[in-house]
C-alpha atoms as a PDB file:
ATOM      1  CA  UNK A   1      30.505 -31.780   4.052  1.00  0.00           C
ATOM      2  CA  UNK A   2      32.568 -28.989   5.100  1.00  0.00           C
ATOM      3  CA  UNK A   3      32.576 -25.393   5.089  1.00  0.00           C
ATOM      4  CA  UNK A   4      35.505 -23.232   3.423  1.00  0.00           C
ATOM      5  CA  UNK A   5      34.379 -20.401   5.128  1.00  0.00           C
ATOM      6  CA  UNK A   6      33.877 -18.095   2.525  1.00  0.00           C
ATOM      7  CA  UNK A   7      29.808 -19.285   1.982  1.00  0.00           C
ATOM      8  CA  UNK A   8      30.866 -22.454   0.279  1.00  0.00           C
ATOM      9  CA  UNK A   9      30.549 -26.041   1.333  1.00  0.00           C
ATOM     10  CA  UNK A  10      32.748 -28.577  -0.406  1.00  0.00           C
ATOM     11  CA  UNK A  11      32.961 -32.283  -0.298  1.00  0.00           C
ATOM     12  CA  UNK A  12      35.942 -34.359  -1.227  1.00  0.00           C
ATOM     13  CA  UNK A  13      35.124 -34.346  -4.532  1.00  0.00           C
ATOM     14  CA  UNK A  14      34.976 -30.975  -4.777  1.00  0.00           C
ATOM     15  CA  UNK A  15      38.072 -30.612  -3.594  1.00  0.00           C
ATOM     16  CA  UNK A  16      39.374 -33.508  -5.154  1.00  0.00           C
ATOM     17  CA  UNK A  17      38.307 -31.475  -8.468  1.00  0.00           C
ATOM     18  CA  UNK A  18      40.039 -28.310  -7.503  1.00  0.00           C
ATOM     19  CA  UNK A  19      42.948 -29.477  -6.308  1.00  0.00           C
ATOM     20  CA  UNK A  20      43.175 -31.208 -10.113  1.00  0.00           C
ATOM     21  CA  UNK A  21      42.389 -27.328 -11.688  1.00  0.00           C
ATOM     22  CA  UNK A  22      45.097 -25.949  -9.543  1.00  0.00           C
ATOM     23  CA  UNK A  23      47.992 -27.671 -10.431  1.00  0.00           C
ATOM     24  CA  UNK A  24      47.245 -25.659 -13.884  1.00  0.00           C
ATOM     25  CA  UNK A  25      45.585 -29.056 -15.575  1.00  0.00           C
ATOM     26  CA  UNK A  26      45.614 -27.975 -19.149  1.00  0.00           C
ATOM     27  CA  UNK A  27      49.662 -27.354 -19.213  1.00  0.00           C
ATOM     28  CA  UNK A  28      50.354 -29.849 -16.534  1.00  0.00           C
ATOM     29  CA  UNK A  29      48.276 -33.019 -18.526  1.00  0.00           C
ATOM     30  CA  UNK A  30      50.466 -31.545 -21.935  1.00  0.00           C
ATOM     31  CA  UNK A  31      53.825 -31.737 -20.701  1.00  0.00           C
ATOM     32  CA  UNK A  32      53.086 -34.873 -19.136  1.00  0.00           C
ATOM     33  CA  UNK A  33      52.049 -36.382 -22.293  1.00  0.00           C
ATOM     34  CA  UNK A  34      54.262 -34.663 -24.253  1.00  0.00           C
ATOM     35  CA  UNK A  35      57.180 -36.576 -21.577  1.00  0.00           C
ATOM     36  CA  UNK A  36      55.481 -39.931 -22.558  1.00  0.00           C
ATOM     37  CA  UNK A  37      55.470 -38.980 -26.433  1.00  0.00           C
ATOM     38  CA  UNK A  38      58.997 -38.947 -26.409  1.00  0.00           C
ATOM     39  CA  UNK A  39      59.703 -41.878 -24.011  1.00  0.00           C
ATOM     40  CA  UNK A  40      58.274 -44.055 -26.350  1.00  0.00           C
ATOM     41  CA  UNK A  41      59.956 -42.362 -29.689  1.00  0.00           C
ATOM     42  CA  UNK A  42      63.298 -42.645 -27.188  1.00  0.00           C
ATOM     43  CA  UNK A  43      62.768 -46.364 -26.701  1.00  0.00           C
ATOM     44  CA  UNK A  44      62.225 -46.010 -23.305  1.00  0.00           C
ATOM     45  CA  UNK A  45      61.118 -49.308 -22.001  1.00  0.00           C
ATOM     46  CA  UNK A  46      57.536 -49.271 -20.950  1.00  0.00           C
ATOM     47  CA  UNK A  47      58.147 -49.265 -17.178  1.00  0.00           C
ATOM     48  CA  UNK A  48      60.398 -46.606 -17.199  1.00  0.00           C
ATOM     49  CA  UNK A  49      58.324 -45.104 -19.416  1.00  0.00           C
ATOM     50  CA  UNK A  50      55.566 -44.673 -16.780  1.00  0.00           C
ATOM     51  CA  UNK A  51      57.743 -43.655 -14.256  1.00  0.00           C
ATOM     52  CA  UNK A  52      59.043 -40.117 -16.257  1.00  0.00           C
ATOM     53  CA  UNK A  53      55.105 -40.407 -16.714  1.00  0.00           C
ATOM     54  CA  UNK A  54      54.991 -40.096 -13.089  1.00  0.00           C
ATOM     55  CA  UNK A  55      58.016 -38.197 -12.826  1.00  0.00           C
ATOM     56  CA  UNK A  56      56.851 -35.062 -14.951  1.00  0.00           C
ATOM     57  CA  UNK A  57      53.292 -35.180 -13.688  1.00  0.00           C
ATOM     58  CA  UNK A  58      54.443 -34.842  -9.622  1.00  0.00           C
ATOM     59  CA  UNK A  59      56.328 -31.996 -10.471  1.00  0.00           C
ATOM     60  CA  UNK A  60      54.709 -30.329 -12.957  1.00  0.00           C
ATOM     61  CA  UNK A  61      51.295 -30.787 -10.519  1.00  0.00           C
ATOM     62  CA  UNK A  62      54.110 -29.342  -7.506  1.00  0.00           C
ATOM     63  CA  UNK A  63      54.608 -26.254  -9.902  1.00  0.00           C
ATOM     64  CA  UNK A  64      50.855 -25.353 -10.218  1.00  0.00           C
ATOM     65  CA  UNK A  65      50.628 -26.397  -6.339  1.00  0.00           C
ATOM     66  CA  UNK A  66      53.514 -23.181  -5.761  1.00  0.00           C
ATOM     67  CA  UNK A  67      52.355 -21.114  -8.116  1.00  0.00           C
ATOM     68  CA  UNK A  68      48.889 -20.652  -6.309  1.00  0.00           C
ATOM     69  CA  UNK A  69      49.520 -21.152  -3.160  1.00  0.00           C
ATOM     70  CA  UNK A  70      52.528 -18.363  -3.093  1.00  0.00           C
ATOM     71  CA  UNK A  71      50.113 -16.645  -5.211  1.00  0.00           C
ATOM     72  CA  UNK A  72      47.093 -17.020  -3.177  1.00  0.00           C
ATOM     73  CA  UNK A  73      46.519 -12.933  -1.719  1.00  0.00           C
ATOM     74  CA  UNK A  74      47.935 -11.125  -5.095  1.00  0.00           C
ATOM     75  CA  UNK A  75      44.886 -13.637  -7.403  1.00  0.00           C
ATOM     76  CA  UNK A  76      42.548 -12.350  -3.889  1.00  0.00           C
ATOM     77  CA  UNK A  77      43.417  -8.442  -4.732  1.00  0.00           C
ATOM     78  CA  UNK A  78      42.841  -8.876  -8.466  1.00  0.00           C
ATOM     79  CA  UNK A  79      39.386 -11.081  -8.118  1.00  0.00           C
ATOM     80  CA  UNK A  80      41.052 -14.263  -9.988  1.00  0.00           C
ATOM     81  CA  UNK A  81      37.544 -15.584  -9.477  1.00  0.00           C
ATOM     82  CA  UNK A  82      39.241 -18.619 -11.612  1.00  0.00           C
ATOM     83  CA  UNK A  83      41.096 -19.807  -8.686  1.00  0.00           C
ATOM     84  CA  UNK A  84      40.196 -22.229  -6.583  1.00  0.00           C
ATOM     85  CA  UNK A  85      41.895 -20.539  -3.645  1.00  0.00           C
ATOM     86  CA  UNK A  86      40.023 -17.606  -4.604  1.00  0.00           C
ATOM     87  CA  UNK A  87      36.946 -19.502  -4.256  1.00  0.00           C
ATOM     88  CA  UNK A  88      38.122 -20.736  -0.780  1.00  0.00           C
ATOM     89  CA  UNK A  89      37.789 -24.831  -2.065  1.00  0.00           C
ATOM     90  CA  UNK A  90      40.969 -24.710  -0.721  1.00  0.00           C
ATOM     91  CA  UNK A  91      43.220 -23.424   1.228  1.00  0.00           C
ATOM     92  CA  UNK A  92      46.877 -21.914   1.206  1.00  0.00           C
ATOM     93  CA  UNK A  93      47.652 -24.231   3.484  1.00  0.00           C
ATOM     94  CA  UNK A  94      46.498 -27.423   1.481  1.00  0.00           C
ATOM     95  CA  UNK A  95      48.354 -26.432  -1.867  1.00  0.00           C
ATOM     96  CA  UNK A  96      51.632 -25.957   0.697  1.00  0.00           C
ATOM     97  CA  UNK A  97      51.638 -29.080   1.935  1.00  0.00           C
ATOM     98  CA  UNK A  98      51.009 -30.552  -1.469  1.00  0.00           C
ATOM     99  CA  UNK A  99      53.379 -28.884  -2.979  1.00  0.00           C
ATOM    100  CA  UNK A 100      55.996 -30.243  -0.350  1.00  0.00           C
ATOM    101  CA  UNK A 101      54.491 -34.352  -1.552  1.00  0.00           C
ATOM    102  CA  UNK A 102      55.034 -33.676  -4.893  1.00  0.00           C
ATOM    103  CA  UNK A 103      57.615 -32.995  -5.208  1.00  0.00           C
ATOM    104  CA  UNK A 104      58.911 -35.340  -2.794  1.00  0.00           C
ATOM    105  CA  UNK A 105      57.126 -38.187  -5.251  1.00  0.00           C
ATOM    106  CA  UNK A 106      58.662 -36.131  -7.975  1.00  0.00           C
ATOM    107  CA  UNK A 107      62.344 -36.173  -6.824  1.00  0.00           C
ATOM    108  CA  UNK A 108      62.443 -40.298  -5.905  1.00  0.00           C
ATOM    109  CA  UNK A 109      60.502 -40.876  -9.008  1.00  0.00           C
ATOM    110  CA  UNK A 110      62.947 -38.788 -10.907  1.00  0.00           C
ATOM    111  CA  UNK A 111      65.963 -40.432  -9.149  1.00  0.00           C
ATOM    112  CA  UNK A 112      64.406 -43.530  -9.594  1.00  0.00           C
ATOM    113  CA  UNK A 113      64.892 -43.310 -13.624  1.00  0.00           C
ATOM    114  CA  UNK A 114      68.887 -42.949 -12.460  1.00  0.00           C
ATOM    115  CA  UNK A 115      71.695 -40.265 -11.702  1.00  0.00           C
ATOM    116  CA  UNK A 116      71.579 -38.396 -15.413  1.00  0.00           C
ATOM    117  CA  UNK A 117      67.704 -38.522 -16.445  1.00  0.00           C
ATOM    118  CA  UNK A 118      66.633 -37.817 -12.956  1.00  0.00           C
ATOM    119  CA  UNK A 119      68.602 -34.605 -11.978  1.00  0.00           C
ATOM    120  CA  UNK A 120      68.192 -33.679 -15.651  1.00  0.00           C
ATOM    121  CA  UNK A 121      64.663 -34.039 -15.235  1.00  0.00           C
ATOM    122  CA  UNK A 122      64.076 -32.369 -11.746  1.00  0.00           C
ATOM    123  CA  UNK A 123      65.861 -28.926 -14.149  1.00  0.00           C
ATOM    124  CA  UNK A 124      62.270 -28.672 -14.941  1.00  0.00           C
ATOM    125  CA  UNK A 125      60.595 -28.736 -11.837  1.00  0.00           C
ATOM    126  CA  UNK A 126      63.364 -26.610  -9.883  1.00  0.00           C
ATOM    127  CA  UNK A 127      63.286 -24.259 -13.058  1.00  0.00           C
ATOM    128  CA  UNK A 128      59.259 -24.693 -12.538  1.00  0.00           C
ATOM    129  CA  UNK A 129      59.680 -23.643  -8.303  1.00  0.00           C
ATOM    130  CA  UNK A 130      62.206 -21.041  -9.308  1.00  0.00           C
ATOM    131  CA  UNK A 131      59.898 -18.925 -11.163  1.00  0.00           C
ATOM    132  CA  UNK A 132      57.435 -19.258  -8.846  1.00  0.00           C
ATOM    133  CA  UNK A 133      58.984 -17.976  -6.251  1.00  0.00           C
ATOM    134  CA  UNK A 134      60.179 -14.475  -7.880  1.00  0.00           C
ATOM    135  CA  UNK A 135      61.601 -14.891 -11.214  1.00  0.00           C
ATOM    136  CA  UNK A 136      58.491 -14.482 -13.080  1.00  0.00           C
ATOM    137  CA  UNK A 137      58.702 -10.350 -11.240  1.00  0.00           C
ATOM    138  CA  UNK A 138      62.560  -9.524 -13.379  1.00  0.00           C
ATOM    139  CA  UNK A 139      63.744  -9.621 -15.954  1.00  0.00           C
ATOM    140  CA  UNK A 140      65.071 -13.093 -16.406  1.00  0.00           C
ATOM    141  CA  UNK A 141      61.800 -14.469 -15.736  1.00  0.00           C
ATOM    142  CA  UNK A 142      62.164 -16.684 -19.841  1.00  0.00           C
ATOM    143  CA  UNK A 143      65.160 -18.861 -17.791  1.00  0.00           C
ATOM    144  CA  UNK A 144      63.388 -20.987 -16.057  1.00  0.00           C
ATOM    145  CA  UNK A 145      61.048 -21.805 -18.826  1.00  0.00           C
ATOM    146  CA  UNK A 146      64.076 -22.416 -21.157  1.00  0.00           C
ATOM    147  CA  UNK A 147      66.593 -24.047 -18.558  1.00  0.00           C
ATOM    148  CA  UNK A 148      63.371 -26.126 -17.576  1.00  0.00           C
ATOM    149  CA  UNK A 149      61.788 -27.502 -21.191  1.00  0.00           C
ATOM    150  CA  UNK A 150      65.446 -27.337 -22.650  1.00  0.00           C
ATOM    151  CA  UNK A 151      66.289 -29.727 -19.726  1.00  0.00           C
ATOM    152  CA  UNK A 152      63.145 -32.102 -20.579  1.00  0.00           C
ATOM    153  CA  UNK A 153      63.836 -34.168 -23.782  1.00  0.00           C
ATOM    154  CA  UNK A 154      67.681 -34.139 -22.507  1.00  0.00           C
ATOM    155  CA  UNK A 155      66.681 -36.461 -19.232  1.00  0.00           C
ATOM    156  CA  UNK A 156      63.102 -38.290 -21.474  1.00  0.00           C
ATOM    157  CA  UNK A 157      65.581 -39.499 -23.782  1.00  0.00           C
ATOM    158  CA  UNK A 158      68.574 -40.363 -21.315  1.00  0.00           C
ATOM    159  CA  UNK A 159      65.511 -42.306 -19.603  1.00  0.00           C
ATOM    160  CA  UNK A 160      66.722 -44.713 -22.394  1.00  0.00           C
ATOM    161  CA  UNK A 161      68.884 -48.169 -22.241  1.00  0.00           C
ATOM    162  CA  UNK A 162      72.262 -46.917 -22.061  1.00  0.00           C
ATOM    163  CA  UNK A 163      71.401 -43.297 -21.197  1.00  0.00           C
ATOM    164  CA  UNK A 164      72.055 -41.593 -24.839  1.00  0.00           C
ATOM    165  CA  UNK A 165      72.221 -38.237 -24.963  1.00  0.00           C
ATOM    166  CA  UNK A 166      69.769 -36.018 -26.674  1.00  0.00           C
ATOM    167  CA  UNK A 167      70.299 -34.620 -30.660  1.00  0.00           C
ATOM    168  CA  UNK A 168      71.302 -30.731 -29.791  1.00  0.00           C
ATOM    169  CA  UNK A 169      67.856 -29.758 -32.647  1.00  0.00           C
ATOM    170  CA  UNK A 170      65.668 -31.759 -29.648  1.00  0.00           C
ATOM    171  CA  UNK A 171      67.046 -29.774 -26.856  1.00  0.00           C
ATOM    172  CA  UNK A 172      66.401 -26.532 -28.407  1.00  0.00           C
ATOM    173  CA  UNK A 173      62.980 -26.704 -29.800  1.00  0.00           C
ATOM    174  CA  UNK A 174      62.254 -28.079 -26.175  1.00  0.00           C
ATOM    175  CA  UNK A 175      63.767 -24.479 -24.942  1.00  0.00           C
ATOM    176  CA  UNK A 176      61.929 -22.601 -27.695  1.00  0.00           C
ATOM    177  CA  UNK A 177      58.608 -24.005 -27.356  1.00  0.00           C
ATOM    178  CA  UNK A 178      59.091 -22.973 -23.565  1.00  0.00           C
ATOM    179  CA  UNK A 179      59.861 -19.421 -24.421  1.00  0.00           C
ATOM    180  CA  UNK A 180      57.008 -19.089 -26.092  1.00  0.00           C
ATOM    181  CA  UNK A 181      54.979 -21.261 -23.738  1.00  0.00           C
ATOM    182  CA  UNK A 182      56.023 -18.112 -21.358  1.00  0.00           C
ATOM    183  CA  UNK A 183      54.707 -15.719 -23.861  1.00  0.00           C
ATOM    184  CA  UNK A 184      51.520 -16.615 -24.612  1.00  0.00           C
ATOM    185  CA  UNK A 185      51.163 -17.605 -21.152  1.00  0.00           C
ATOM    186  CA  UNK A 186      51.693 -14.428 -19.696  1.00  0.00           C
ATOM    187  CA  UNK A 187      50.085 -13.136 -22.289  1.00  0.00           C
ATOM    188  CA  UNK A 188      46.141 -12.680 -20.933  1.00  0.00           C
ATOM    189  CA  UNK A 189      47.099 -11.807 -17.032  1.00  0.00           C
ATOM    190  CA  UNK A 190      49.063  -8.828 -17.969  1.00  0.00           C
ATOM    191  CA  UNK A 191      47.114  -6.032 -15.831  1.00  0.00           C
ATOM    192  CA  UNK A 192      46.635  -8.052 -13.687  1.00  0.00           C
ATOM    193  CA  UNK A 193      50.348  -8.560 -12.772  1.00  0.00           C
ATOM    194  CA  UNK A 194      51.609  -5.172 -13.304  1.00  0.00           C
ATOM    195  CA  UNK A 195      48.734  -4.257 -10.767  1.00  0.00           C
ATOM    196  CA  UNK A 196      50.246  -6.922  -8.028  1.00  0.00           C
ATOM    197  CA  UNK A 197      53.963  -5.556  -8.957  1.00  0.00           C
ATOM    198  CA  UNK A 198      55.217  -8.651 -11.283  1.00  0.00           C
ATOM    199  CA  UNK A 199      57.526  -7.386 -13.968  1.00  0.00           C
ATOM    200  CA  UNK A 200      58.800 -10.134 -15.953  1.00  0.00           C
ATOM    201  CA  UNK A 201      60.773  -9.766 -19.363  1.00  0.00           C
ATOM    202  CA  UNK A 202      57.117 -10.144 -21.117  1.00  0.00           C
ATOM    203  CA  UNK A 203      55.899  -6.802 -19.390  1.00  0.00           C
ATOM    204  CA  UNK A 204      58.858  -4.727 -19.853  1.00  0.00           C
ATOM    205  CA  UNK A 205      59.323  -5.051 -24.193  1.00  0.00           C
ATOM    206  CA  UNK A 206      55.455  -4.775 -24.136  1.00  0.00           C
ATOM    207  CA  UNK A 207      53.182  -6.717 -25.382  1.00  0.00           C
ATOM    208  CA  UNK A 208      53.792  -6.383 -29.695  1.00  0.00           C
ATOM    209  CA  UNK A 209      57.066  -7.214 -29.182  1.00  0.00           C
ATOM    210  CA  UNK A 210      56.918 -10.625 -26.715  1.00  0.00           C
ATOM    211  CA  UNK A 211      54.084 -11.286 -28.622  1.00  0.00           C
ATOM    212  CA  UNK A 212      56.327 -11.737 -32.228  1.00  0.00           C
ATOM    213  CA  UNK A 213      58.838 -13.504 -30.068  1.00  0.00           C
ATOM    214  CA  UNK A 214      57.064 -15.899 -29.063  1.00  0.00           C
ATOM    215  CA  UNK A 215      55.869 -16.796 -32.130  1.00  0.00           C
ATOM    216  CA  UNK A 216      58.603 -17.143 -33.995  1.00  0.00           C
ATOM    217  CA  UNK A 217      60.067 -19.322 -31.121  1.00  0.00           C
ATOM    218  CA  UNK A 218      56.966 -21.280 -31.398  1.00  0.00           C
ATOM    219  CA  UNK A 219      57.730 -21.945 -35.572  1.00  0.00           C
ATOM    220  CA  UNK A 220      61.584 -21.870 -35.131  1.00  0.00           C
ATOM    221  CA  UNK A 221      60.504 -25.346 -32.339  1.00  0.00           C
ATOM    222  CA  UNK A 222      58.356 -26.780 -35.401  1.00  0.00           C
ATOM    223  CA  UNK A 223      61.265 -26.108 -37.923  1.00  0.00           C
ATOM    224  CA  UNK A 224      63.562 -28.155 -35.814  1.00  0.00           C
ATOM    225  CA  UNK A 225      61.834 -30.823 -34.841  1.00  0.00           C
ATOM    226  CA  UNK A 226      60.804 -31.135 -39.237  1.00  0.00           C
ATOM    227  CA  UNK A 227      64.308 -30.364 -40.491  1.00  0.00           C
ATOM    228  CA  UNK A 228      66.253 -31.942 -36.842  1.00  0.00           C
ATOM    229  CA  UNK A 229      66.397 -35.457 -37.827  1.00  0.00           C
ATOM    230  CA  UNK A 230      68.411 -36.924 -40.415  1.00  0.00           C
ATOM    231  CA  UNK A 231      66.882 -37.664 -43.858  1.00  0.00           C
ATOM    232  CA  UNK A 232      64.338 -34.514 -45.870  1.00  0.00           C
ATOM    233  CA  UNK A 233      61.205 -34.033 -43.883  1.00  0.00           C
ATOM    234  CA  UNK A 234      58.530 -36.760 -44.541  1.00  0.00           C
ATOM    235  CA  UNK A 235      54.411 -35.931 -45.234  1.00  0.00           C
ATOM    236  CA  UNK A 236      54.031 -35.530 -41.598  1.00  0.00           C
ATOM    237  CA  UNK A 237      56.613 -33.382 -41.582  1.00  0.00           C
ATOM    238  CA  UNK A 238      54.709 -31.015 -43.632  1.00  0.00           C
ATOM    239  CA  UNK A 239      52.041 -31.559 -42.170  1.00  0.00           C
ATOM    240  CA  UNK A 240      53.492 -30.508 -38.648  1.00  0.00           C
ATOM    241  CA  UNK A 241      54.493 -27.269 -40.595  1.00  0.00           C
ATOM    242  CA  UNK A 242      51.018 -27.165 -42.029  1.00  0.00           C
ATOM    243  CA  UNK A 243      49.450 -26.628 -38.826  1.00  0.00           C
ATOM    244  CA  UNK A 244      52.030 -24.456 -37.005  1.00  0.00           C
ATOM    245  CA  UNK A 245      51.341 -22.057 -39.338  1.00  0.00           C
ATOM    246  CA  UNK A 246      47.988 -20.690 -38.510  1.00  0.00           C
ATOM    247  CA  UNK A 247      49.004 -21.442 -34.782  1.00  0.00           C
ATOM    248  CA  UNK A 248      52.164 -19.102 -35.303  1.00  0.00           C
ATOM    249  CA  UNK A 249      50.069 -16.217 -36.638  1.00  0.00           C
ATOM    250  CA  UNK A 250      47.595 -17.002 -33.219  1.00  0.00           C
ATOM    251  CA  UNK A 251      50.855 -16.401 -30.902  1.00  0.00           C
ATOM    252  CA  UNK A 252      51.221 -13.549 -32.870  1.00  0.00           C
ATOM    253  CA  UNK A 253      48.139 -11.814 -31.615  1.00  0.00           C
ATOM    254  CA  UNK A 254      48.980 -12.386 -28.222  1.00  0.00           C
ATOM    255  CA  UNK A 255      49.741  -8.960 -28.405  1.00  0.00           C
ATOM    256  CA  UNK A 256      46.250  -8.211 -28.684  1.00  0.00           C
ATOM    257  CA  UNK A 257      43.232  -8.017 -25.972  1.00  0.00           C
ATOM    258  CA  UNK A 258      41.699 -10.386 -28.196  1.00  0.00           C
ATOM    259  CA  UNK A 259      44.127 -12.926 -29.437  1.00  0.00           C
ATOM    260  CA  UNK A 260      45.576 -13.500 -25.526  1.00  0.00           C
ATOM    261  CA  UNK A 261      43.425 -16.165 -24.286  1.00  0.00           C
ATOM    262  CA  UNK A 262      43.503 -18.155 -27.209  1.00  0.00           C
ATOM    263  CA  UNK A 263      47.286 -17.856 -27.503  1.00  0.00           C
ATOM    264  CA  UNK A 264      48.341 -20.301 -24.510  1.00  0.00           C
ATOM    265  CA  UNK A 265      46.477 -23.304 -25.296  1.00  0.00           C
ATOM    266  CA  UNK A 266      47.496 -23.160 -29.621  1.00  0.00           C
ATOM    267  CA  UNK A 267      51.045 -23.268 -27.913  1.00  0.00           C
ATOM    268  CA  UNK A 268      50.445 -26.330 -25.473  1.00  0.00           C
ATOM    269  CA  UNK A 269      48.411 -28.285 -28.603  1.00  0.00           C
ATOM    270  CA  UNK A 270      51.299 -27.476 -31.010  1.00  0.00           C
ATOM    271  CA  UNK A 271      53.545 -29.140 -29.109  1.00  0.00           C
ATOM    272  CA  UNK A 272      51.316 -32.135 -27.992  1.00  0.00           C
ATOM    273  CA  UNK A 273      50.919 -32.037 -32.016  1.00  0.00           C
ATOM    274  CA  UNK A 274      54.986 -31.728 -33.216  1.00  0.00           C
ATOM    275  CA  UNK A 275      55.778 -34.454 -31.247  1.00  0.00           C
ATOM    276  CA  UNK A 276      52.731 -37.018 -32.126  1.00  0.00           C
ATOM    277  CA  UNK A 277      54.277 -36.854 -35.945  1.00  0.00           C
ATOM    278  CA  UNK A 278      57.562 -37.412 -34.638  1.00  0.00           C
ATOM    279  CA  UNK A 279      56.054 -40.097 -33.310  1.00  0.00           C
ATOM    280  CA  UNK A 280      54.612 -40.913 -36.248  1.00  0.00           C
ATOM    281  CA  UNK A 281      57.231 -40.551 -38.195  1.00  0.00           C
ATOM    282  CA  UNK A 282      59.892 -42.532 -36.470  1.00  0.00           C
ATOM    283  CA  UNK A 283      62.192 -40.239 -35.941  1.00  0.00           C
ATOM    284  CA  UNK A 284      65.188 -40.857 -34.436  1.00  0.00           C
ATOM    285  CA  UNK A 285      66.246 -38.987 -30.966  1.00  0.00           C
ATOM    286  CA  UNK A 286      68.789 -41.353 -29.391  1.00  0.00           C
END
């Protein structure tokens, strides 16, 4: 056991749990799950599917750790007691080192899949790190989400035998989901962001217009996943639309104080559900 300098004591298990939380665990697990499900749907062999999972998990961990490392002073200033670094359980130095290790793992495992899938998967990592490093403070804040989550399905599909190209509708759906996730992710922290000089695009256009835009993107993503595959939508596609309707409403409520913290989990849940139904419905994505 060791003191963290702020009155708490932490051991290896507490530190490990805090490091897991600092990855921004829910979105990290959701994105990794989506990547693995897409790999299965695309017919990626089991060993390469596992490699996809490791690559995406490491990349998402690097983005989360980098965010909490670079924002440590800002999070302390606004009293973000939900952050492990503010709680004193982990140090910014540890987060910085973990970021570097995770980036190395993400690069190595991504490129082990081949140059094309590797580079596409690394677009997501580079986009997230660019967001952490400063793009979130600019009017270009949605760009990393659009490029990163558009590239993710392209990279996963390219890991299949023959490195096939992903269909346009799958890439477009990924980008739309990324845009919706950006709006929903920003919504709970608007006041803290503005107090510390973070003014991304949602901050500039206002909470309500941003929330409505996010809801439209979320609905569009579901329609792309349902109507994009060849042939008429089946029962599972209609089921996805049924689940999407209330989730889109929740996303639209991100512009209100009460709805802010519900929107992001709703977007994550619908994303995983949509891809699971895509898999169950046997859609061809290669």
